[in-house]
Amino acid sequence: TDRDLDALSLLDELRLMNSHQMRLLFGEEFVRSRLKRLYHHGYIDRIDAQRRVRLLKGGGSEALVLALASKGAQILKQHDRLLHDRRDWSERNRLFKPSSLPHPLAVSEVAVAFEQMTKTNNRFSLTRLPHSASLLAPGREAPLIPDLIHELVHDDGRKVVFFIEVDCGTEPNSRHEKS
């Protein structure tokens, strides 16, 4: 369905999402029935690294961490909706480490917040722009490629572009001058 393709496209674009984020965008029934079917038919993967994180925390249940599987990427490619053509999505999903989950999930959280904001306010629309744009940051030789680029278009035609970089506290927060 179109909603299935939309969900697969989001996983292609954002790399990881959790079931709570999907629920906010697509509703409870979609998560309960469609996501389960997409998983059982091999279109999406549940990330194994999440289980190790749960064990380290002493168990419990958290929202499932989801990623696009190779079969889902093939469907997106057939519908000309695939943004990132990776060799083997499912293999890449198996290689995720627990320490690499927080950042992409935080990026997805920001993307979902933008989506929800535009759903509840009809004064503007949202367009997610490709990640190919970059910014020149003072003191850096290489350009900064943001995690997300969103364009909000107001109902009067004004446009605002947001370059979003999610900080999980894993990189130093200092700039070094060039020599």
N, C-alpha and C. Protein backbone atom coordinates (compact mmCIF):
# COMPACT_ATOMS: atom_id res chain seq x y z
N THR A 1 0.84 -1.19 0.00
CA THR A 1 0.00 0.00 0.00
C THR A 1 0.88 1.25 0.00
N ASP A 2 0.27 2.38 -0.24
CA ASP A 2 1.02 3.64 -0.21
C ASP A 2 1.61 3.91 1.17
N ARG A 3 0.85 3.57 2.22
CA ARG A 3 1.36 3.78 3.58
C ARG A 3 2.55 2.86 3.86
N ASP A 4 2.50 1.63 3.35
CA ASP A 4 3.64 0.72 3.50
C ASP A 4 4.87 1.33 2.83
N LEU A 5 4.69 1.84 1.62
CA LEU A 5 5.81 2.46 0.90
C LEU A 5 6.32 3.70 1.64
N ASP A 6 5.40 4.48 2.22
CA ASP A 6 5.82 5.65 2.99
C ASP A 6 6.67 5.23 4.19
N ALA A 7 6.25 4.18 4.89
CA ALA A 7 7.01 3.69 6.05
C ALA A 7 8.38 3.17 5.61
N LEU A 8 8.42 2.41 4.53
CA LEU A 8 9.70 1.90 4.02
C LEU A 8 10.60 3.04 3.58
N SER A 9 10.02 4.06 2.96
CA SER A 9 10.81 5.23 2.52
C SER A 9 11.42 5.97 3.70
N LEU A 10 10.66 6.09 4.79
CA LEU A 10 11.21 6.74 5.98
C LEU A 10 12.39 5.94 6.54
N LEU A 11 12.27 4.63 6.54
CA LEU A 11 13.38 3.80 7.03
C LEU A 11 14.59 3.91 6.11
N ASP A 12 14.35 4.07 4.81
CA ASP A 12 15.44 4.29 3.87
C ASP A 12 16.13 5.61 4.18
N GLU A 13 15.34 6.64 4.39
CA GLU A 13 15.90 7.97 4.59
C GLU A 13 16.56 8.13 5.96
N LEU A 14 15.91 7.64 7.02
CA LEU A 14 16.39 7.88 8.38
C LEU A 14 17.28 6.78 8.91
N ARG A 15 17.31 5.65 8.26
CA ARG A 15 18.11 4.46 8.61
C ARG A 15 17.49 3.63 9.72
N LEU A 16 17.12 4.23 10.85
CA LEU A 16 16.49 3.50 11.96
C LEU A 16 15.31 4.31 12.48
N MET A 17 14.29 3.60 12.90
CA MET A 17 13.17 4.20 13.63
C MET A 17 12.71 3.17 14.65
N ASN A 18 12.01 3.64 15.67
CA ASN A 18 11.44 2.66 16.58
C ASN A 18 9.93 2.59 16.38
N SER A 19 9.33 1.57 16.95
CA SER A 19 7.90 1.36 16.72
C SER A 19 7.05 2.49 17.31
N HIS A 20 7.52 3.14 18.36
CA HIS A 20 6.80 4.28 18.93
C HIS A 20 6.75 5.44 17.93
N GLN A 21 7.87 5.70 17.28
CA GLN A 21 7.92 6.77 16.28
C GLN A 21 6.99 6.46 15.10
N MET A 22 6.99 5.20 14.68
CA MET A 22 6.08 4.78 13.60
C MET A 22 4.62 4.96 14.03
N ARG A 23 4.33 4.64 15.27
CA ARG A 23 2.96 4.77 15.80
C ARG A 23 2.51 6.23 15.76
N LEU A 24 3.41 7.15 16.09
CA LEU A 24 3.07 8.58 16.07
C LEU A 24 2.74 9.06 14.66
N LEU A 25 3.43 8.51 13.67
CA LEU A 25 3.21 8.96 12.29
C LEU A 25 2.08 8.22 11.57
N PHE A 26 1.96 6.91 11.84
CA PHE A 26 1.04 6.10 11.05
C PHE A 26 -0.14 5.54 11.84
N GLY A 27 -0.10 5.64 13.16
CA GLY A 27 -1.21 5.17 13.97
C GLY A 27 -0.99 3.78 14.56
N GLU A 28 -1.77 3.50 15.59
CA GLU A 28 -1.66 2.25 16.35
C GLU A 28 -1.94 1.03 15.48
N GLU A 29 -3.00 1.08 14.70
CA GLU A 29 -3.40 -0.08 13.90
C GLU A 29 -2.32 -0.44 12.86
N PHE A 30 -1.71 0.58 12.26
CA PHE A 30 -0.64 0.34 11.29
C PHE A 30 0.51 -0.41 11.95
N VAL A 31 0.91 0.05 13.13
CA VAL A 31 2.03 -0.59 13.84
C VAL A 31 1.67 -2.01 14.24
N ARG A 32 0.46 -2.20 14.74
CA ARG A 32 0.06 -3.52 15.23
C ARG A 32 -0.07 -4.53 14.10
N SER A 33 -0.62 -4.11 12.97
CA SER A 33 -0.86 -5.10 11.91
C SER A 33 0.13 -5.01 10.74
N ARG A 34 0.28 -3.83 10.16
CA ARG A 34 1.09 -3.71 8.94
C ARG A 34 2.58 -3.89 9.21
N LEU A 35 3.10 -3.24 10.25
CA LEU A 35 4.53 -3.39 10.53
C LEU A 35 4.88 -4.83 10.84
N LYS A 36 4.00 -5.52 11.54
CA LYS A 36 4.22 -6.93 11.84
C LYS A 36 4.29 -7.73 10.54
N ARG A 37 3.39 -7.45 9.61
CA ARG A 37 3.41 -8.14 8.32
C ARG A 37 4.65 -7.81 7.51
N LEU A 38 5.01 -6.53 7.50
CA LEU A 38 6.22 -6.13 6.76
C LEU A 38 7.45 -6.84 7.31
N TYR A 39 7.50 -7.02 8.62
CA TYR A 39 8.62 -7.73 9.24
C TYR A 39 8.57 -9.22 8.87
N HIS A 40 7.43 -9.85 9.04
CA HIS A 40 7.33 -11.29 8.78
C HIS A 40 7.54 -11.65 7.30
N HIS A 41 7.27 -10.69 6.42
CA HIS A 41 7.51 -10.94 4.99
C HIS A 41 8.88 -10.46 4.53
N GLY A 42 9.72 -9.98 5.46
CA GLY A 42 11.11 -9.66 5.15
C GLY A 42 11.37 -8.28 4.57
N TYR A 43 10.41 -7.34 4.68
CA TYR A 43 10.61 -6.00 4.14
C TYR A 43 11.31 -5.07 5.13
N ILE A 44 11.18 -5.36 6.43
CA ILE A 44 11.89 -4.60 7.44
C ILE A 44 12.56 -5.58 8.40
N ASP A 45 13.59 -5.09 9.08
CA ASP A 45 14.32 -5.87 10.07
C ASP A 45 14.11 -5.27 11.45
N ARG A 46 14.19 -6.12 12.44
CA ARG A 46 14.28 -5.67 13.83
C ARG A 46 15.76 -5.80 14.19
N ILE A 47 16.31 -4.75 14.76
CA ILE A 47 17.75 -4.70 15.01
C ILE A 47 18.12 -5.56 16.22
N ASP A 48 19.00 -6.55 16.01
CA ASP A 48 19.43 -7.46 17.08
C ASP A 48 20.18 -6.73 18.19
N ALA A 49 20.90 -5.67 17.86
CA ALA A 49 21.68 -4.95 18.87
C ALA A 49 20.79 -4.42 19.98
N GLN A 50 19.52 -4.20 19.68
CA GLN A 50 18.60 -3.71 20.69
C GLN A 50 18.43 -4.72 21.83
N ARG A 51 18.43 -6.01 21.49
CA ARG A 51 18.29 -7.04 22.53
C ARG A 51 19.45 -6.98 23.52
N ARG A 52 20.66 -6.75 23.01
CA ARG A 52 21.82 -6.66 23.89
C ARG A 52 21.71 -5.44 24.81
N VAL A 53 21.17 -4.34 24.29
CA VAL A 53 20.97 -3.14 25.11
C VAL A 53 19.97 -3.44 26.22
N ARG A 54 18.89 -4.14 25.89
CA ARG A 54 17.89 -4.51 26.90
C ARG A 54 18.50 -5.38 28.00
N LEU A 55 19.32 -6.35 27.61
CA LEU A 55 19.95 -7.23 28.60
C LEU A 55 20.87 -6.45 29.52
N LEU A 56 21.63 -5.50 28.96
CA LEU A 56 22.52 -4.69 29.78
C LEU A 56 21.74 -3.83 30.77
N LYS A 57 20.53 -3.42 30.39
CA LYS A 57 19.70 -2.60 31.27
C LYS A 57 18.89 -3.44 32.24
N GLY A 58 19.01 -4.75 32.16
CA GLY A 58 18.28 -5.62 33.08
C GLY A 58 16.94 -6.10 32.55
N GLY A 59 16.73 -6.04 31.25
CA GLY A 59 15.49 -6.54 30.65
C GLY A 59 14.47 -5.44 30.46
N GLY A 60 13.21 -5.84 30.40
CA GLY A 60 12.14 -4.88 30.17
C GLY A 60 11.82 -4.77 28.69
N SER A 61 10.78 -4.02 28.42
CA SER A 61 10.39 -3.87 27.02
C SER A 61 10.50 -2.41 26.61
N GLU A 62 11.03 -2.20 25.46
CA GLU A 62 11.14 -0.87 24.87
C GLU A 62 10.58 -0.97 23.46
N ALA A 63 10.39 0.16 22.84
CA ALA A 63 9.92 0.16 21.46
C ALA A 63 10.91 -0.59 20.58
N LEU A 64 10.40 -1.37 19.63
CA LEU A 64 11.26 -2.13 18.72
C LEU A 64 12.03 -1.18 17.81
N VAL A 65 13.30 -1.47 17.58
CA VAL A 65 14.11 -0.69 16.65
C VAL A 65 14.01 -1.37 15.28
N LEU A 66 13.59 -0.59 14.28
CA LEU A 66 13.31 -1.10 12.95
C LEU A 66 14.23 -0.50 11.91
N ALA A 67 14.53 -1.28 10.88
CA ALA A 67 15.37 -0.81 9.77
C ALA A 67 14.85 -1.43 8.48
N LEU A 68 15.15 -0.80 7.38
CA LEU A 68 14.78 -1.32 6.07
C LEU A 68 15.60 -2.57 5.77
N ALA A 69 14.94 -3.62 5.29
CA ALA A 69 15.63 -4.85 4.88
C ALA A 69 15.87 -4.80 3.37
N SER A 70 16.69 -5.70 2.88
CA SER A 70 17.02 -5.73 1.45
C SER A 70 15.77 -5.89 0.58
N LYS A 71 14.84 -6.72 1.02
CA LYS A 71 13.61 -6.93 0.25
C LYS A 71 12.78 -5.64 0.19
N GLY A 72 12.75 -4.88 1.28
CA GLY A 72 12.05 -3.60 1.28
C GLY A 72 12.72 -2.60 0.35
N ALA A 73 14.05 -2.62 0.30
CA ALA A 73 14.78 -1.73 -0.61
C ALA A 73 14.46 -2.07 -2.07
N GLN A 74 14.33 -3.37 -2.37
CA GLN A 74 13.98 -3.78 -3.73
C GLN A 74 12.61 -3.24 -4.14
N ILE A 75 11.64 -3.28 -3.22
CA ILE A 75 10.30 -2.76 -3.50
C ILE A 75 10.36 -1.25 -3.75
N LEU A 76 11.12 -0.54 -2.91
CA LEU A 76 11.26 0.90 -3.11
C LEU A 76 11.91 1.21 -4.45
N LYS A 77 12.89 0.42 -4.82
CA LYS A 77 13.57 0.61 -6.11
C LYS A 77 12.60 0.40 -7.27
N GLN A 78 11.74 -0.61 -7.16
CA GLN A 78 10.74 -0.87 -8.20
C GLN A 78 9.76 0.30 -8.34
N HIS A 79 9.48 1.00 -7.24
CA HIS A 79 8.57 2.14 -7.27
C HIS A 79 9.31 3.47 -7.41
N ASP A 80 10.60 3.40 -7.73
CA ASP A 80 11.45 4.58 -7.93
C ASP A 80 11.44 5.50 -6.71
N ARG A 81 11.50 4.90 -5.50
CA ARG A 81 11.47 5.67 -4.26
C ARG A 81 12.68 5.41 -3.39
N LEU A 82 13.66 4.66 -3.87
CA LEU A 82 14.84 4.32 -3.08
C LEU A 82 15.86 5.46 -3.15
N LEU A 83 16.22 6.01 -1.98
CA LEU A 83 17.21 7.09 -1.93
C LEU A 83 18.62 6.57 -1.81
N HIS A 84 18.82 5.57 -0.95
CA HIS A 84 20.15 5.04 -0.65
C HIS A 84 20.23 3.61 -1.15
N ASP A 85 21.01 3.39 -2.19
CA ASP A 85 21.13 2.05 -2.76
C ASP A 85 22.35 1.37 -2.14
N ARG A 86 22.15 0.77 -0.99
CA ARG A 86 23.23 0.05 -0.30
C ARG A 86 23.26 -1.38 -0.81
N ARG A 87 24.43 -1.99 -0.76
CA ARG A 87 24.58 -3.34 -1.30
C ARG A 87 23.64 -4.35 -0.65
N ASP A 88 23.75 -4.49 0.64
CA ASP A 88 22.94 -5.49 1.33
C ASP A 88 22.44 -4.89 2.64
N TRP A 89 21.25 -4.40 2.60
CA TRP A 89 20.66 -3.74 3.77
C TRP A 89 20.63 -4.68 4.97
N SER A 90 20.17 -5.91 4.76
CA SER A 90 20.00 -6.84 5.88
C SER A 90 21.34 -7.15 6.55
N GLU A 91 22.39 -7.28 5.77
CA GLU A 91 23.71 -7.53 6.35
C GLU A 91 24.17 -6.31 7.16
N ARG A 92 23.96 -5.14 6.63
CA ARG A 92 24.32 -3.91 7.37
C ARG A 92 23.54 -3.81 8.68
N ASN A 93 22.29 -4.25 8.67
CA ASN A 93 21.46 -4.22 9.88
C ASN A 93 22.01 -5.16 10.95
N ARG A 94 22.52 -6.30 10.52
CA ARG A 94 23.09 -7.26 11.48
C ARG A 94 24.37 -6.73 12.13
N LEU A 95 25.06 -5.82 11.45
CA LEU A 95 26.34 -5.31 11.95
C LEU A 95 26.19 -4.16 12.94
N PHE A 96 24.97 -3.70 13.18
CA PHE A 96 24.76 -2.61 14.14
C PHE A 96 25.26 -3.03 15.52
N LYS A 97 25.94 -2.10 16.19
CA LYS A 97 26.39 -2.32 17.56
C LYS A 97 25.47 -1.53 18.48
N PRO A 98 25.30 -1.98 19.72
CA PRO A 98 24.44 -1.24 20.65
C PRO A 98 24.83 0.23 20.78
N SER A 99 26.13 0.52 20.74
CA SER A 99 26.59 1.91 20.89
C SER A 99 26.24 2.79 19.69
N SER A 100 25.89 2.17 18.56
CA SER A 100 25.57 2.97 17.37
C SER A 100 24.08 3.24 17.20
N LEU A 101 23.24 2.80 18.14
CA LEU A 101 21.80 3.00 18.03
C LEU A 101 21.32 4.39 18.46
N PRO A 102 21.85 5.02 19.51
CA PRO A 102 21.26 6.27 19.98
C PRO A 102 21.20 7.40 18.97
N HIS A 103 22.26 7.61 18.19
CA HIS A 103 22.26 8.76 17.27
C HIS A 103 21.21 8.64 16.18
N PRO A 104 21.14 7.55 15.40
CA PRO A 104 20.10 7.50 14.37
C PRO A 104 18.67 7.53 14.94
N LEU A 105 18.48 6.98 16.14
CA LEU A 105 17.15 7.04 16.75
C LEU A 105 16.82 8.47 17.19
N ALA A 106 17.82 9.22 17.65
CA ALA A 106 17.60 10.62 18.01
C ALA A 106 17.30 11.46 16.77
N VAL A 107 17.97 11.19 15.67
CA VAL A 107 17.69 11.88 14.41
C VAL A 107 16.25 11.60 13.98
N SER A 108 15.83 10.35 14.10
CA SER A 108 14.46 9.99 13.75
C SER A 108 13.45 10.70 14.65
N GLU A 109 13.80 10.85 15.92
CA GLU A 109 12.92 11.55 16.86
C GLU A 109 12.68 13.00 16.41
N VAL A 110 13.72 13.67 15.95
CA VAL A 110 13.59 15.04 15.46
C VAL A 110 12.74 15.06 14.18
N ALA A 111 12.97 14.12 13.28
CA ALA A 111 12.19 14.06 12.05
C ALA A 111 10.71 13.84 12.34
N VAL A 112 10.41 12.97 13.29
CA VAL A 112 9.02 12.70 13.66
C VAL A 112 8.39 13.96 14.27
N ALA A 113 9.14 14.69 15.09
CA ALA A 113 8.62 15.92 15.69
C ALA A 113 8.25 16.94 14.60
N PHE A 114 9.09 17.09 13.59
CA PHE A 114 8.78 17.99 12.47
C PHE A 114 7.53 17.51 11.73
N GLU A 115 7.44 16.21 11.48
CA GLU A 115 6.26 15.66 10.78
C GLU A 115 4.99 15.92 11.57
N GLN A 116 5.03 15.68 12.87
CA GLN A 116 3.84 15.90 13.71
C GLN A 116 3.45 17.37 13.74
N MET A 117 4.44 18.24 13.78
CA MET A 117 4.16 19.68 13.81
C MET A 117 3.40 20.11 12.55
N THR A 118 3.80 19.58 11.40
CA THR A 118 3.12 19.99 10.18
C THR A 118 1.76 19.32 10.03
N LYS A 119 1.56 18.15 10.65
CA LYS A 119 0.25 17.51 10.61
C LYS A 119 -0.78 18.29 11.42
N THR A 120 -0.33 18.89 12.52
CA THR A 120 -1.25 19.59 13.40
C THR A 120 -1.41 21.07 13.06
N ASN A 121 -0.62 21.56 12.13
CA ASN A 121 -0.68 22.98 11.78
C ASN A 121 -0.70 23.10 10.26
N ASN A 122 -1.83 23.52 9.71
CA ASN A 122 -1.93 23.58 8.25
C ASN A 122 -1.43 24.90 7.67
N ARG A 123 -0.73 25.71 8.48
CA ARG A 123 -0.18 26.96 7.97
C ARG A 123 1.10 26.76 7.17
N PHE A 124 1.68 25.58 7.26
CA PHE A 124 2.89 25.32 6.48
C PHE A 124 3.01 23.84 6.16
N SER A 125 3.84 23.56 5.16
CA SER A 125 4.09 22.17 4.75
C SER A 125 5.58 21.88 4.92
N LEU A 126 5.89 20.61 4.98
CA LEU A 126 7.27 20.17 5.23
C LEU A 126 7.80 19.39 4.05
N THR A 127 9.03 19.68 3.69
CA THR A 127 9.75 18.90 2.69
C THR A 127 11.09 18.51 3.29
N ARG A 128 11.39 17.22 3.26
CA ARG A 128 12.73 16.78 3.69
C ARG A 128 13.62 16.83 2.46
N LEU A 129 14.73 17.51 2.59
CA LEU A 129 15.65 17.67 1.46
C LEU A 129 16.75 16.62 1.53
N PRO A 130 17.33 16.29 0.39
CA PRO A 130 18.42 15.28 0.39
C PRO A 130 19.58 15.73 1.27
N HIS A 131 20.29 14.76 1.81
CA HIS A 131 21.40 15.02 2.72
C HIS A 131 22.67 15.47 1.99
N SER A 132 22.59 15.70 0.70
CA SER A 132 23.80 16.03 -0.05
C SER A 132 24.29 17.45 0.19
N ALA A 133 23.42 18.32 0.72
CA ALA A 133 23.86 19.69 0.99
C ALA A 133 24.81 19.71 2.19
N SER A 134 25.73 20.65 2.18
CA SER A 134 26.69 20.73 3.28
C SER A 134 26.89 22.20 3.65
N LEU A 135 27.43 22.40 4.83
CA LEU A 135 27.71 23.74 5.34
C LEU A 135 29.20 23.88 5.60
N LEU A 136 29.72 25.08 5.37
CA LEU A 136 31.11 25.35 5.73
C LEU A 136 31.10 25.90 7.15
N ALA A 137 31.75 25.22 8.06
CA ALA A 137 31.81 25.64 9.46
C ALA A 137 33.15 26.29 9.73
N PRO A 138 33.17 27.38 10.48
CA PRO A 138 34.44 28.04 10.80
C PRO A 138 35.40 27.08 11.51
N GLY A 139 36.65 27.09 11.08
CA GLY A 139 37.67 26.27 11.72
C GLY A 139 37.70 24.83 11.23
N ARG A 140 36.87 24.49 10.27
CA ARG A 140 36.85 23.12 9.74
C ARG A 140 37.29 23.13 8.29
N GLU A 141 38.13 22.18 7.95
CA GLU A 141 38.54 22.07 6.55
C GLU A 141 37.45 21.40 5.72
N ALA A 142 36.87 20.36 6.27
CA ALA A 142 35.83 19.63 5.55
C ALA A 142 34.47 20.24 5.86
N PRO A 143 33.57 20.22 4.90
CA PRO A 143 32.23 20.76 5.16
C PRO A 143 31.46 19.87 6.14
N LEU A 144 30.52 20.46 6.82
CA LEU A 144 29.65 19.76 7.75
C LEU A 144 28.41 19.29 6.99
N ILE A 145 28.14 18.00 7.06
CA ILE A 145 26.95 17.45 6.42
C ILE A 145 25.94 17.18 7.53
N PRO A 146 24.83 17.94 7.56
CA PRO A 146 23.87 17.79 8.65
C PRO A 146 23.14 16.46 8.59
N ASP A 147 22.59 16.07 9.74
CA ASP A 147 21.82 14.83 9.83
C ASP A 147 20.52 14.92 9.04
N LEU A 148 19.88 16.06 9.07
CA LEU A 148 18.61 16.27 8.37
C LEU A 148 18.59 17.67 7.79
N ILE A 149 17.88 17.82 6.70
CA ILE A 149 17.62 19.15 6.15
C ILE A 149 16.13 19.20 5.86
N HIS A 150 15.44 20.11 6.55
CA HIS A 150 14.00 20.26 6.36
C HIS A 150 13.69 21.66 5.85
N GLU A 151 12.75 21.72 4.94
CA GLU A 151 12.28 23.00 4.43
C GLU A 151 10.81 23.14 4.81
N LEU A 152 10.50 24.21 5.54
CA LEU A 152 9.11 24.53 5.86
C LEU A 152 8.65 25.63 4.91
N VAL A 153 7.51 25.39 4.28
CA VAL A 153 6.94 26.38 3.38
C VAL A 153 5.66 26.89 4.03
N HIS A 154 5.65 28.18 4.35
CA HIS A 154 4.48 28.81 4.96
C HIS A 154 3.37 28.92 3.93
N ASP A 155 2.15 29.08 4.40
CA ASP A 155 1.00 29.19 3.48
C ASP A 155 1.08 30.44 2.61
N ASP A 156 1.88 31.44 3.00
CA ASP A 156 2.05 32.63 2.16
C ASP A 156 3.25 32.51 1.21
N GLY A 157 3.87 31.32 1.15
CA GLY A 157 4.96 31.07 0.21
C GLY A 157 6.36 31.24 0.77
N ARG A 158 6.49 31.82 1.97
CA ARG A 158 7.82 31.98 2.56
C ARG A 158 8.40 30.61 2.88
N LYS A 159 9.72 30.48 2.71
CA LYS A 159 10.40 29.21 2.98
C LYS A 159 11.46 29.41 4.06
N VAL A 160 11.57 28.41 4.93
CA VAL A 160 12.60 28.39 5.96
C VAL A 160 13.28 27.02 5.89
N VAL A 161 14.60 27.02 5.81
CA VAL A 161 15.35 25.78 5.73
C VAL A 161 16.05 25.55 7.06
N PHE A 162 15.90 24.33 7.60
CA PHE A 162 16.54 23.94 8.86
C PHE A 162 17.62 22.90 8.56
N PHE A 163 18.85 23.22 8.93
CA PHE A 163 19.94 22.26 8.87
C PHE A 163 20.06 21.69 10.29
N ILE A 164 19.78 20.41 10.44
CA ILE A 164 19.67 19.81 11.77
C ILE A 164 20.82 18.85 12.02
N GLU A 165 21.52 19.09 13.11
CA GLU A 165 22.60 18.21 13.55
C GLU A 165 22.25 17.77 14.97
N VAL A 166 22.05 16.50 15.17
CA VAL A 166 21.68 15.98 16.47
C VAL A 166 22.94 15.63 17.25
N ASP A 167 23.05 16.18 18.45
CA ASP A 167 24.23 15.96 19.28
C ASP A 167 23.88 14.99 20.40
N CYS A 168 24.55 13.85 20.42
CA CYS A 168 24.35 12.86 21.49
C CYS A 168 25.49 12.88 22.49
N GLY A 169 26.32 13.93 22.43
CA GLY A 169 27.40 14.07 23.39
C GLY A 169 28.56 13.12 23.16
N THR A 170 28.73 12.64 21.93
CA THR A 170 29.80 11.68 21.66
C THR A 170 30.99 12.30 20.94
N GLU A 171 30.89 13.57 20.57
CA GLU A 171 31.99 14.24 19.89
C GLU A 171 32.42 15.46 20.69
N PRO A 172 33.68 15.88 20.58
CA PRO A 172 34.11 17.07 21.30
C PRO A 172 33.38 18.29 20.80
N ASN A 173 33.12 19.23 21.69
CA ASN A 173 32.37 20.42 21.32
C ASN A 173 33.30 21.62 21.20
N SER A 174 34.43 21.42 20.54
CA SER A 174 35.37 22.51 20.36
C SER A 174 35.86 22.52 18.94
N ARG A 175 36.24 23.69 18.49
CA ARG A 175 36.79 23.87 17.14
C ARG A 175 38.26 24.23 17.29
N HIS A 176 39.03 23.74 16.39
CA HIS A 176 40.46 24.04 16.41
C HIS A 176 40.77 24.92 15.22
N GLU A 177 41.55 25.97 15.44
CA GLU A 177 41.92 26.84 14.35
C GLU A 177 42.85 26.12 13.40
N LYS A 178 42.75 26.54 12.13
CA LYS A 178 43.66 26.00 11.14
C LYS A 178 45.04 26.58 11.36
N SER A 179 46.07 25.81 11.11
CA SER A 179 47.46 26.30 11.29
C SER A 179 47.87 27.11 10.10
